[in-house]
Each structure stands twice: as C-alpha cells, then as structure tokens.
C-alpha cells in the first residue's frame, strides 16, 4: 500500500478517517492524499463572471486556510500529506483521482443516512462506494489506531466473491490480521440443506487455489435479513472490521434492488471495508 485518499469536510467523522489513514500509512510507509470538495452554490456560478471569480477566490482562500489548520495534527507528523481542493461535490471524481494517482485505498468517515434522505439522496459514503474501483474503508464512531486482529468477510460462496476475497486476504496479510468468512442464511434466500451448503462451500474453497480456510474460519448465521445477520455476528463476536464485496449498482437498478453494502454502511457503527467485484 503506497497511497491513501481521505476525503474530508472538517467534521469529527472525517478526522476519524484521517487519523485511521495516518495509522495505516505509518504501517505501510504510505502517502496520504487529503481531498476537500468545495461546494460552490449555483447562485455564485450564475452571477457575472468578474463577481463570480472574486467570490470563488474568496471562498477558495478561506477553505485553504481552514484546510491548513485542519491538517496540523500530531499524528500526521512524518507522513507525506498532499492536500487537494475540488470545486464541486462530484464523487465520481474521487475514483478518477484514485486512478490518476494510482491510489490503493480510500478511507472515509461517515455519519450514515436514513429514511427519505437515504432513499432519494443517499450518504456521501454510498456514492464513494458505488464509484470507487479501489477498496473503501468506512470509519464511523472512532478511529482505528491499533493493529486489527479480528476481521470477517461477508460471503455467499459465489464465484463473484473469489477475486474480492483474495484481494482482501492479501490486504490483511500486510496488516498481520486473520480473516474469517461469514454466510447469512435468510428466509428470502433459496433454502439449502446442511449437506447442500457444505458442498457449495467446498466448491468455493476449491476455486481459491492455494488460499485455504479452516472449518473454524467459516461461520453460518441465520437471520431475517443479511444486514441484520451481519450486524448480529459482528457485535456478538467482537469483530473489529467487516469486509464486503460490492457490485456498486447505480441508477434504477440500485433504487429497486438496493445494496446490502450501502445498507450496512449507513446503519452500522463498526468499520466497513468494501472491495469492488
């Protein structure tokens, strides 16, 4: 891991993300790119050109000063930090920036979203997860400042999970953390007997090649929804981080089908790491 992006809005949650990124950067000797998205109103944009330029310049300088003060943290000492200001809140730009800078990870703080806001607007975290081709680490209630030891990968033992799981295993090997697998069986999923489920798991494990998981690393949970089952397992077993593979659905497909990853990101308090399928 050589480069980490952290989008910030100067809130406590974005500071949790920045402190987490600094901890990971020190472990990997990585650089941090800190991005603030300056949202200029349509009122400014629609004004006369000279007036808009002056007002934009004023807000840009004000943001640069606030940005500079925000980055004066003791935990950032010894880390190469590159601040970047974007002029609009277009979250696909983070993925574009990640590609241009050859970034390995995005770390983002989140307060989540709920109700009508979640349905029609969605949290900024959702948008980043949907667009990013690199892993996205979502930090909620506190920063990660110690080595992570207990990690679980949400798995349905389908072929789609193979590539993200292998990437996740490599990611956590670099952090010296072990990763387990958890499968949530719900009333809405096609019922499988114990023998059928064992066969499915074995077929999946066989496709992993040299990567192996013991029986003790595979856990089965039954609940009414996948989201509830994952939350139950994480909280009941003191899991430090949940990992999920995501297809990043957009548009109407997401509206009607929803996204387990985005639901977990919005409604849970524990750290979440996503890998794009």
C-alpha atoms as a PDB file:
ATOM      1  CA  UNK A   1       0.000   0.000   0.000  1.00  0.00           C
ATOM      2  CA  UNK A   2       1.610   3.221  -1.223  1.00  0.00           C
ATOM      3  CA  UNK A   3      -1.133   5.864  -1.395  1.00  0.00           C
ATOM      4  CA  UNK A   4      -4.330   6.530   0.574  1.00  0.00           C
ATOM      5  CA  UNK A   5      -7.072   9.062  -0.247  1.00  0.00           C
ATOM      6  CA  UNK A   6      -9.054  10.670   2.580  1.00  0.00           C
ATOM      7  CA  UNK A   7     -11.996  12.946   1.640  1.00  0.00           C
ATOM      8  CA  UNK A   8     -12.646  15.437   4.460  1.00  0.00           C
ATOM      9  CA  UNK A   9     -15.314  18.002   5.316  1.00  0.00           C
ATOM     10  CA  UNK A  10     -13.607  19.169   8.558  1.00  0.00           C
ATOM     11  CA  UNK A  11     -16.100  17.194  10.704  1.00  0.00           C
ATOM     12  CA  UNK A  12     -15.200  14.859  13.576  1.00  0.00           C
ATOM     13  CA  UNK A  13     -16.030  11.871  11.372  1.00  0.00           C
ATOM     14  CA  UNK A  14     -13.619  12.944   8.657  1.00  0.00           C
ATOM     15  CA  UNK A  15     -10.972  13.440  11.320  1.00  0.00           C
ATOM     16  CA  UNK A  16     -11.566   9.848  12.483  1.00  0.00           C
ATOM     17  CA  UNK A  17     -10.889   8.786   8.888  1.00  0.00           C
ATOM     18  CA  UNK A  18      -7.745  10.919   8.680  1.00  0.00           C
ATOM     19  CA  UNK A  19      -6.352   9.516  11.928  1.00  0.00           C
ATOM     20  CA  UNK A  20      -7.111   5.966  10.731  1.00  0.00           C
ATOM     21  CA  UNK A  21      -5.354   6.683   7.435  1.00  0.00           C
ATOM     22  CA  UNK A  22      -2.330   8.022   9.306  1.00  0.00           C
ATOM     23  CA  UNK A  23      -2.107   4.803  11.338  1.00  0.00           C
ATOM     24  CA  UNK A  24      -2.269   2.668   8.186  1.00  0.00           C
ATOM     25  CA  UNK A  25       0.164   4.953   6.355  1.00  0.00           C
ATOM     26  CA  UNK A  26       2.769   4.621   9.099  1.00  0.00           C
ATOM     27  CA  UNK A  27       2.477   0.839   8.969  1.00  0.00           C
ATOM     28  CA  UNK A  28       2.895   0.745   5.187  1.00  0.00           C
ATOM     29  CA  UNK A  29       5.117   3.825   4.729  1.00  0.00           C
ATOM     30  CA  UNK A  30       2.376   5.248   2.513  1.00  0.00           C
ATOM     31  CA  UNK A  31       1.438   8.750   1.355  1.00  0.00           C
ATOM     32  CA  UNK A  32      -1.908  10.362   2.222  1.00  0.00           C
ATOM     33  CA  UNK A  33      -3.845  12.487  -0.273  1.00  0.00           C
ATOM     34  CA  UNK A  34      -6.412  14.581   1.621  1.00  0.00           C
ATOM     35  CA  UNK A  35      -9.280  15.872  -0.529  1.00  0.00           C
ATOM     36  CA  UNK A  36     -11.832  18.543   0.340  1.00  0.00           C
ATOM     37  CA  UNK A  37     -14.748  19.137  -2.014  1.00  0.00           C
ATOM     38  CA  UNK A  38     -15.669  22.813  -2.000  1.00  0.00           C
ATOM     39  CA  UNK A  39     -19.353  23.057  -2.891  1.00  0.00           C
ATOM     40  CA  UNK A  40     -19.946  26.335  -4.727  1.00  0.00           C
ATOM     41  CA  UNK A  41     -23.608  27.319  -4.916  1.00  0.00           C
ATOM     42  CA  UNK A  42     -25.456  27.844  -8.188  1.00  0.00           C
ATOM     43  CA  UNK A  43     -26.023  31.423  -7.060  1.00  0.00           C
ATOM     44  CA  UNK A  44     -22.301  32.134  -7.321  1.00  0.00           C
ATOM     45  CA  UNK A  45     -21.923  30.323 -10.612  1.00  0.00           C
ATOM     46  CA  UNK A  46     -24.841  32.216 -12.178  1.00  0.00           C
ATOM     47  CA  UNK A  47     -23.524  35.672 -11.235  1.00  0.00           C
ATOM     48  CA  UNK A  48     -21.496  37.890 -13.529  1.00  0.00           C
ATOM     49  CA  UNK A  49     -18.121  36.478 -14.475  1.00  0.00           C
ATOM     50  CA  UNK A  50     -15.991  39.039 -12.610  1.00  0.00           C
ATOM     51  CA  UNK A  51     -18.147  38.876  -9.465  1.00  0.00           C
ATOM     52  CA  UNK A  52     -18.177  35.068  -9.510  1.00  0.00           C
ATOM     53  CA  UNK A  53     -14.399  34.953  -9.908  1.00  0.00           C
ATOM     54  CA  UNK A  54     -13.880  37.259  -6.918  1.00  0.00           C
ATOM     55  CA  UNK A  55     -16.299  35.342  -4.691  1.00  0.00           C
ATOM     56  CA  UNK A  56     -14.873  31.991  -5.763  1.00  0.00           C
ATOM     57  CA  UNK A  57     -11.359  33.239  -4.987  1.00  0.00           C
ATOM     58  CA  UNK A  58     -12.525  34.399  -1.541  1.00  0.00           C
ATOM     59  CA  UNK A  59     -14.084  31.015  -0.659  1.00  0.00           C
ATOM     60  CA  UNK A  60     -11.075  29.163  -2.058  1.00  0.00           C
ATOM     61  CA  UNK A  61      -8.638  31.121   0.124  1.00  0.00           C
ATOM     62  CA  UNK A  62     -10.882  30.708   3.157  1.00  0.00           C
ATOM     63  CA  UNK A  63     -11.007  26.942   2.550  1.00  0.00           C
ATOM     64  CA  UNK A  64      -7.247  26.727   2.045  1.00  0.00           C
ATOM     65  CA  UNK A  65      -6.697  28.376   5.453  1.00  0.00           C
ATOM     66  CA  UNK A  66      -9.214  26.054   7.137  1.00  0.00           C
ATOM     67  CA  UNK A  67      -7.662  23.068   5.341  1.00  0.00           C
ATOM     68  CA  UNK A  68      -4.165  24.045   6.525  1.00  0.00           C
ATOM     69  CA  UNK A  69      -5.329  24.331  10.141  1.00  0.00           C
ATOM     70  CA  UNK A  70      -7.225  21.015   9.922  1.00  0.00           C
ATOM     71  CA  UNK A  71      -4.047  19.198   8.859  1.00  0.00           C
ATOM     72  CA  UNK A  72      -1.979  20.401  11.807  1.00  0.00           C
ATOM     73  CA  UNK A  73      -2.254  17.082  13.652  1.00  0.00           C
ATOM     74  CA  UNK A  74       0.492  15.432  15.645  1.00  0.00           C
ATOM     75  CA  UNK A  75      -0.456  12.020  14.226  1.00  0.00           C
ATOM     76  CA  UNK A  76       0.388  13.243  10.704  1.00  0.00           C
ATOM     77  CA  UNK A  77       3.996  14.013  11.559  1.00  0.00           C
ATOM     78  CA  UNK A  78       6.449  12.001   9.473  1.00  0.00           C
ATOM     79  CA  UNK A  79       3.821  11.231   6.792  1.00  0.00           C
ATOM     80  CA  UNK A  80       3.825  12.776   3.321  1.00  0.00           C
ATOM     81  CA  UNK A  81       0.454  14.570   3.081  1.00  0.00           C
ATOM     82  CA  UNK A  82      -0.832  16.136  -0.159  1.00  0.00           C
ATOM     83  CA  UNK A  83      -3.892  18.414   0.202  1.00  0.00           C
ATOM     84  CA  UNK A  84      -6.223  18.816  -2.800  1.00  0.00           C
ATOM     85  CA  UNK A  85      -9.310  21.023  -3.145  1.00  0.00           C
ATOM     86  CA  UNK A  86     -12.011  20.127  -5.675  1.00  0.00           C
ATOM     87  CA  UNK A  87     -14.566  22.791  -6.623  1.00  0.00           C
ATOM     88  CA  UNK A  88     -17.692  20.600  -6.806  1.00  0.00           C
ATOM     89  CA  UNK A  89     -19.094  17.626  -4.900  1.00  0.00           C
ATOM     90  CA  UNK A  90     -18.916  15.107  -7.723  1.00  0.00           C
ATOM     91  CA  UNK A  91     -17.985  11.873  -6.009  1.00  0.00           C
ATOM     92  CA  UNK A  92     -17.024  10.061  -9.182  1.00  0.00           C
ATOM     93  CA  UNK A  93     -14.062  12.464  -9.207  1.00  0.00           C
ATOM     94  CA  UNK A  94     -12.609  10.594  -6.230  1.00  0.00           C
ATOM     95  CA  UNK A  95     -12.395   7.445  -8.335  1.00  0.00           C
ATOM     96  CA  UNK A  96     -10.855   9.429 -11.182  1.00  0.00           C
ATOM     97  CA  UNK A  97      -8.296  10.895  -8.771  1.00  0.00           C
ATOM     98  CA  UNK A  98      -7.599   7.426  -7.357  1.00  0.00           C
ATOM     99  CA  UNK A  99      -6.854   6.156 -10.875  1.00  0.00           C
ATOM    100  CA  UNK A 100      -4.642   9.138 -11.746  1.00  0.00           C
ATOM    101  CA  UNK A 101      -2.634   8.855  -8.529  1.00  0.00           C
ATOM    102  CA  UNK A 102      -2.546   5.033  -8.513  1.00  0.00           C
ATOM    103  CA  UNK A 103      -4.158   5.010  -5.064  1.00  0.00           C
ATOM    104  CA  UNK A 104      -4.580   1.756  -3.110  1.00  0.00           C
ATOM    105  CA  UNK A 105      -7.280   2.717  -0.597  1.00  0.00           C
ATOM    106  CA  UNK A 106      -9.934   5.345   0.190  1.00  0.00           C
ATOM    107  CA  UNK A 107     -10.602   5.979   3.894  1.00  0.00           C
ATOM    108  CA  UNK A 108     -13.805   7.880   4.654  1.00  0.00           C
ATOM    109  CA  UNK A 109     -15.668   8.959   7.765  1.00  0.00           C
ATOM    110  CA  UNK A 110     -19.436   8.561   7.758  1.00  0.00           C
ATOM    111  CA  UNK A 111     -22.443   9.538   9.830  1.00  0.00           C
ATOM    112  CA  UNK A 112     -24.712   7.396   7.642  1.00  0.00           C
ATOM    113  CA  UNK A 113     -28.170   8.268   6.322  1.00  0.00           C
ATOM    114  CA  UNK A 114     -31.719   7.072   6.929  1.00  0.00           C
ATOM    115  CA  UNK A 115     -35.313   7.462   5.874  1.00  0.00           C
ATOM    116  CA  UNK A 116     -36.189   9.637   2.864  1.00  0.00           C
ATOM    117  CA  UNK A 117     -32.702  11.157   2.826  1.00  0.00           C
ATOM    118  CA  UNK A 118     -31.244   7.686   2.311  1.00  0.00           C
ATOM    119  CA  UNK A 119     -33.762   6.801  -0.408  1.00  0.00           C
ATOM    120  CA  UNK A 120     -33.575   9.941  -2.515  1.00  0.00           C
ATOM    121  CA  UNK A 121     -30.159  11.406  -1.709  1.00  0.00           C
ATOM    122  CA  UNK A 122     -28.057   8.760  -0.033  1.00  0.00           C
ATOM    123  CA  UNK A 123     -24.992   9.398   2.080  1.00  0.00           C
ATOM    124  CA  UNK A 124     -21.754  10.626   0.556  1.00  0.00           C
ATOM    125  CA  UNK A 125     -20.255   7.311   1.618  1.00  0.00           C
ATOM    126  CA  UNK A 126     -22.717   5.404  -0.586  1.00  0.00           C
ATOM    127  CA  UNK A 127     -21.679   7.463  -3.581  1.00  0.00           C
ATOM    128  CA  UNK A 128     -17.986   6.844  -2.998  1.00  0.00           C
ATOM    129  CA  UNK A 129     -18.541   3.090  -2.542  1.00  0.00           C
ATOM    130  CA  UNK A 130     -20.628   2.984  -5.728  1.00  0.00           C
ATOM    131  CA  UNK A 131     -17.987   4.619  -7.920  1.00  0.00           C
ATOM    132  CA  UNK A 132     -14.638   3.591  -6.416  1.00  0.00           C
ATOM    133  CA  UNK A 133     -12.629   0.830  -8.111  1.00  0.00           C
ATOM    134  CA  UNK A 134     -10.261   0.655  -5.119  1.00  0.00           C
ATOM    135  CA  UNK A 135     -11.191  -0.592  -1.629  1.00  0.00           C
ATOM    136  CA  UNK A 136     -13.131   1.874   0.529  1.00  0.00           C
ATOM    137  CA  UNK A 137     -12.730   1.817   4.313  1.00  0.00           C
ATOM    138  CA  UNK A 138     -15.664   3.430   6.136  1.00  0.00           C
ATOM    139  CA  UNK A 139     -14.981   4.708   9.658  1.00  0.00           C
ATOM    140  CA  UNK A 140     -17.904   5.500  11.963  1.00  0.00           C
ATOM    141  CA  UNK A 141     -17.599   6.141  15.705  1.00  0.00           C
ATOM    142  CA  UNK A 142     -13.860   6.216  16.392  1.00  0.00           C
ATOM    143  CA  UNK A 143     -10.555   5.982  14.513  1.00  0.00           C
ATOM    144  CA  UNK A 144      -8.526   2.802  14.153  1.00  0.00           C
ATOM    145  CA  UNK A 145      -5.239   3.378  15.975  1.00  0.00           C
ATOM    146  CA  UNK A 146      -4.241  -0.195  16.877  1.00  0.00           C
ATOM    147  CA  UNK A 147      -3.492  -3.342  14.876  1.00  0.00           C
ATOM    148  CA  UNK A 148      -6.625  -5.079  13.646  1.00  0.00           C
ATOM    149  CA  UNK A 149      -6.793  -8.765  14.515  1.00  0.00           C
ATOM    150  CA  UNK A 150     -10.406  -9.884  14.084  1.00  0.00           C
ATOM    151  CA  UNK A 151     -11.808  -9.403  10.567  1.00  0.00           C
ATOM    152  CA  UNK A 152     -14.747 -11.121   8.864  1.00  0.00           C
ATOM    153  CA  UNK A 153     -15.612 -11.279   5.142  1.00  0.00           C
ATOM    154  CA  UNK A 154     -19.329 -11.465   4.272  1.00  0.00           C
ATOM    155  CA  UNK A 155     -19.523 -14.308   1.777  1.00  0.00           C
ATOM    156  CA  UNK A 156     -22.263 -16.152  -0.131  1.00  0.00           C
ATOM    157  CA  UNK A 157     -19.719 -18.594  -1.631  1.00  0.00           C
ATOM    158  CA  UNK A 158     -20.422 -17.493  -5.194  1.00  0.00           C
ATOM    159  CA  UNK A 159     -17.808 -17.007  -7.896  1.00  0.00           C
ATOM    160  CA  UNK A 160     -18.260 -13.228  -7.565  1.00  0.00           C
ATOM    161  CA  UNK A 161     -16.697 -13.380  -4.103  1.00  0.00           C
ATOM    162  CA  UNK A 162     -13.463 -15.091  -5.178  1.00  0.00           C
ATOM    163  CA  UNK A 163     -11.480 -12.134  -6.548  1.00  0.00           C
ATOM    164  CA  UNK A 164     -12.540  -9.678  -3.767  1.00  0.00           C
ATOM    165  CA  UNK A 165     -11.767 -12.286  -1.099  1.00  0.00           C
ATOM    166  CA  UNK A 166      -8.282 -12.921  -2.475  1.00  0.00           C
ATOM    167  CA  UNK A 167      -7.625  -9.173  -2.562  1.00  0.00           C
ATOM    168  CA  UNK A 168      -8.939  -8.794   0.987  1.00  0.00           C
ATOM    169  CA  UNK A 169      -6.794 -11.664   2.263  1.00  0.00           C
ATOM    170  CA  UNK A 170      -3.691 -10.080   0.740  1.00  0.00           C
ATOM    171  CA  UNK A 171      -4.652  -6.691   2.181  1.00  0.00           C
ATOM    172  CA  UNK A 172      -4.932  -8.062   5.722  1.00  0.00           C
ATOM    173  CA  UNK A 173      -1.836 -10.216   5.462  1.00  0.00           C
ATOM    174  CA  UNK A 174       0.100  -6.965   5.064  1.00  0.00           C
ATOM    175  CA  UNK A 175      -1.558  -5.791   8.305  1.00  0.00           C
ATOM    176  CA  UNK A 176      -0.890  -9.133  10.038  1.00  0.00           C
ATOM    177  CA  UNK A 177      -4.614  -9.810  10.563  1.00  0.00           C
ATOM    178  CA  UNK A 178      -6.569 -13.040  10.087  1.00  0.00           C
ATOM    179  CA  UNK A 179      -9.778 -13.033   8.073  1.00  0.00           C
ATOM    180  CA  UNK A 180     -12.790 -15.330   8.650  1.00  0.00           C
ATOM    181  CA  UNK A 181     -15.844 -15.921   6.448  1.00  0.00           C
ATOM    182  CA  UNK A 182     -19.484 -15.451   7.448  1.00  0.00           C
ATOM    183  CA  UNK A 183     -22.549 -16.565   5.489  1.00  0.00           C
ATOM    184  CA  UNK A 184     -26.042 -15.280   6.363  1.00  0.00           C
ATOM    185  CA  UNK A 185     -28.990 -17.524   5.524  1.00  0.00           C
ATOM    186  CA  UNK A 186     -32.345 -15.700   5.335  1.00  0.00           C
ATOM    187  CA  UNK A 187     -35.969 -16.723   4.696  1.00  0.00           C
ATOM    188  CA  UNK A 188     -35.834 -14.996   1.296  1.00  0.00           C
ATOM    189  CA  UNK A 189     -32.822 -16.992   0.080  1.00  0.00           C
ATOM    190  CA  UNK A 190     -33.223 -20.370  -1.567  1.00  0.00           C
ATOM    191  CA  UNK A 191     -33.164 -22.956   1.214  1.00  0.00           C
ATOM    192  CA  UNK A 192     -30.171 -25.274   1.327  1.00  0.00           C
ATOM    193  CA  UNK A 193     -29.824 -28.358   3.481  1.00  0.00           C
ATOM    194  CA  UNK A 194     -26.700 -28.773   5.583  1.00  0.00           C
ATOM    195  CA  UNK A 195     -25.179 -31.166   3.043  1.00  0.00           C
ATOM    196  CA  UNK A 196     -26.006 -28.832   0.117  1.00  0.00           C
ATOM    197  CA  UNK A 197     -24.456 -25.887   1.903  1.00  0.00           C
ATOM    198  CA  UNK A 198     -21.339 -27.889   2.751  1.00  0.00           C
ATOM    199  CA  UNK A 199     -20.987 -28.885  -0.901  1.00  0.00           C
ATOM    200  CA  UNK A 200     -21.350 -25.271  -2.018  1.00  0.00           C
ATOM    201  CA  UNK A 201     -18.721 -24.127   0.477  1.00  0.00           C
ATOM    202  CA  UNK A 202     -16.318 -26.871  -0.591  1.00  0.00           C
ATOM    203  CA  UNK A 203     -16.710 -25.978  -4.287  1.00  0.00           C
ATOM    204  CA  UNK A 204     -15.948 -22.375  -3.405  1.00  0.00           C
ATOM    205  CA  UNK A 205     -12.881 -23.276  -1.350  1.00  0.00           C
ATOM    206  CA  UNK A 206     -11.567 -25.488  -4.145  1.00  0.00           C
ATOM    207  CA  UNK A 207     -11.630 -22.497  -6.501  1.00  0.00           C
ATOM    208  CA  UNK A 208      -9.427 -20.443  -4.183  1.00  0.00           C
ATOM    209  CA  UNK A 209      -6.357 -22.414  -5.201  1.00  0.00           C
ATOM    210  CA  UNK A 210      -3.552 -22.269  -2.675  1.00  0.00           C
ATOM    211  CA  UNK A 211      -5.522 -19.991  -0.344  1.00  0.00           C
ATOM    212  CA  UNK A 212      -7.191 -22.064   2.359  1.00  0.00           C
ATOM    213  CA  UNK A 213      -9.684 -21.554   5.166  1.00  0.00           C
ATOM    214  CA  UNK A 214     -10.204 -23.969   8.047  1.00  0.00           C
ATOM    215  CA  UNK A 215     -13.643 -25.055   9.293  1.00  0.00           C
ATOM    216  CA  UNK A 216     -13.106 -22.810  12.314  1.00  0.00           C
ATOM    217  CA  UNK A 217     -12.835 -19.797   9.986  1.00  0.00           C
ATOM    218  CA  UNK A 218     -16.251 -20.359   8.342  1.00  0.00           C
ATOM    219  CA  UNK A 219     -19.389 -19.243  10.177  1.00  0.00           C
ATOM    220  CA  UNK A 220     -23.083 -19.652   9.302  1.00  0.00           C
ATOM    221  CA  UNK A 221     -25.714 -17.228  10.661  1.00  0.00           C
ATOM    222  CA  UNK A 222     -29.497 -17.303  10.213  1.00  0.00           C
ATOM    223  CA  UNK A 223     -31.466 -14.057  10.328  1.00  0.00           C
ATOM    224  CA  UNK A 224     -34.364 -12.253   8.658  1.00  0.00           C
ATOM    225  CA  UNK A 225     -32.069 -10.049   6.518  1.00  0.00           C
ATOM    226  CA  UNK A 226     -28.431 -10.258   5.504  1.00  0.00           C
ATOM    227  CA  UNK A 227     -27.805  -6.851   7.050  1.00  0.00           C
ATOM    228  CA  UNK A 228     -29.268  -7.938  10.429  1.00  0.00           C
ATOM    229  CA  UNK A 229     -27.302 -11.185  10.351  1.00  0.00           C
ATOM    230  CA  UNK A 230     -24.021  -9.424   9.652  1.00  0.00           C
ATOM    231  CA  UNK A 231     -24.636  -6.853  12.347  1.00  0.00           C
ATOM    232  CA  UNK A 232     -25.526  -9.588  14.852  1.00  0.00           C
ATOM    233  CA  UNK A 233     -22.412 -11.615  14.069  1.00  0.00           C
ATOM    234  CA  UNK A 234     -20.058  -8.633  14.236  1.00  0.00           C
ATOM    235  CA  UNK A 235     -21.430  -7.392  17.562  1.00  0.00           C
ATOM    236  CA  UNK A 236     -21.721 -10.847  19.151  1.00  0.00           C
ATOM    237  CA  UNK A 237     -18.149 -11.814  18.283  1.00  0.00           C
ATOM    238  CA  UNK A 238     -16.313  -8.527  18.862  1.00  0.00           C
ATOM    239  CA  UNK A 239     -15.305  -8.348  15.204  1.00  0.00           C
ATOM    240  CA  UNK A 240     -13.145  -5.285  14.552  1.00  0.00           C
ATOM    241  CA  UNK A 241     -13.938  -4.889  10.849  1.00  0.00           C
ATOM    242  CA  UNK A 242     -16.458  -6.234   8.342  1.00  0.00           C
ATOM    243  CA  UNK A 243     -15.434  -6.737   4.696  1.00  0.00           C
ATOM    244  CA  UNK A 244     -17.997  -6.867   1.875  1.00  0.00           C
ATOM    245  CA  UNK A 245     -17.697  -7.271  -1.891  1.00  0.00           C
ATOM    246  CA  UNK A 246     -19.896  -4.816  -3.790  1.00  0.00           C
ATOM    247  CA  UNK A 247     -21.095  -4.534  -7.359  1.00  0.00           C
ATOM    248  CA  UNK A 248     -21.668  -0.792  -6.973  1.00  0.00           C
ATOM    249  CA  UNK A 249     -25.118  -0.702  -8.601  1.00  0.00           C
ATOM    250  CA  UNK A 250     -26.212   2.654  -9.954  1.00  0.00           C
ATOM    251  CA  UNK A 251     -29.425   4.285 -11.142  1.00  0.00           C
ATOM    252  CA  UNK A 252     -32.746   2.453 -11.172  1.00  0.00           C
ATOM    253  CA  UNK A 253     -31.148  -0.948 -10.510  1.00  0.00           C
ATOM    254  CA  UNK A 254     -29.959   0.311  -7.138  1.00  0.00           C
ATOM    255  CA  UNK A 255     -33.312   2.023  -6.377  1.00  0.00           C
ATOM    256  CA  UNK A 256     -35.356  -1.141  -6.842  1.00  0.00           C
ATOM    257  CA  UNK A 257     -32.872  -3.800  -5.723  1.00  0.00           C
ATOM    258  CA  UNK A 258     -30.993  -1.885  -3.046  1.00  0.00           C
ATOM    259  CA  UNK A 259     -27.497  -2.669  -1.840  1.00  0.00           C
ATOM    260  CA  UNK A 260     -26.536  -4.695   1.228  1.00  0.00           C
ATOM    261  CA  UNK A 261     -23.177  -2.917   1.307  1.00  0.00           C
ATOM    262  CA  UNK A 262     -24.751   0.531   1.344  1.00  0.00           C
ATOM    263  CA  UNK A 263     -27.339  -0.509   3.947  1.00  0.00           C
ATOM    264  CA  UNK A 264     -24.577  -1.754   6.248  1.00  0.00           C
ATOM    265  CA  UNK A 265     -22.514   1.396   5.609  1.00  0.00           C
ATOM    266  CA  UNK A 266     -25.490   3.595   6.526  1.00  0.00           C
ATOM    267  CA  UNK A 267     -26.889   1.754   9.530  1.00  0.00           C
ATOM    268  CA  UNK A 268     -23.935   0.145  11.327  1.00  0.00           C
ATOM    269  CA  UNK A 269     -21.397   1.596  13.760  1.00  0.00           C
ATOM    270  CA  UNK A 270     -18.432  -0.686  13.054  1.00  0.00           C
ATOM    271  CA  UNK A 271     -15.701  -0.146  10.410  1.00  0.00           C
ATOM    272  CA  UNK A 272     -16.561  -1.466   6.956  1.00  0.00           C
ATOM    273  CA  UNK A 273     -14.156  -2.260   4.111  1.00  0.00           C
ATOM    274  CA  UNK A 274     -15.534  -2.747   0.597  1.00  0.00           C
ATOM    275  CA  UNK A 275     -13.955  -4.375  -2.453  1.00  0.00           C
ATOM    276  CA  UNK A 276     -15.468  -3.927  -5.917  1.00  0.00           C
ATOM    277  CA  UNK A 277     -16.470  -7.124  -7.738  1.00  0.00           C
END
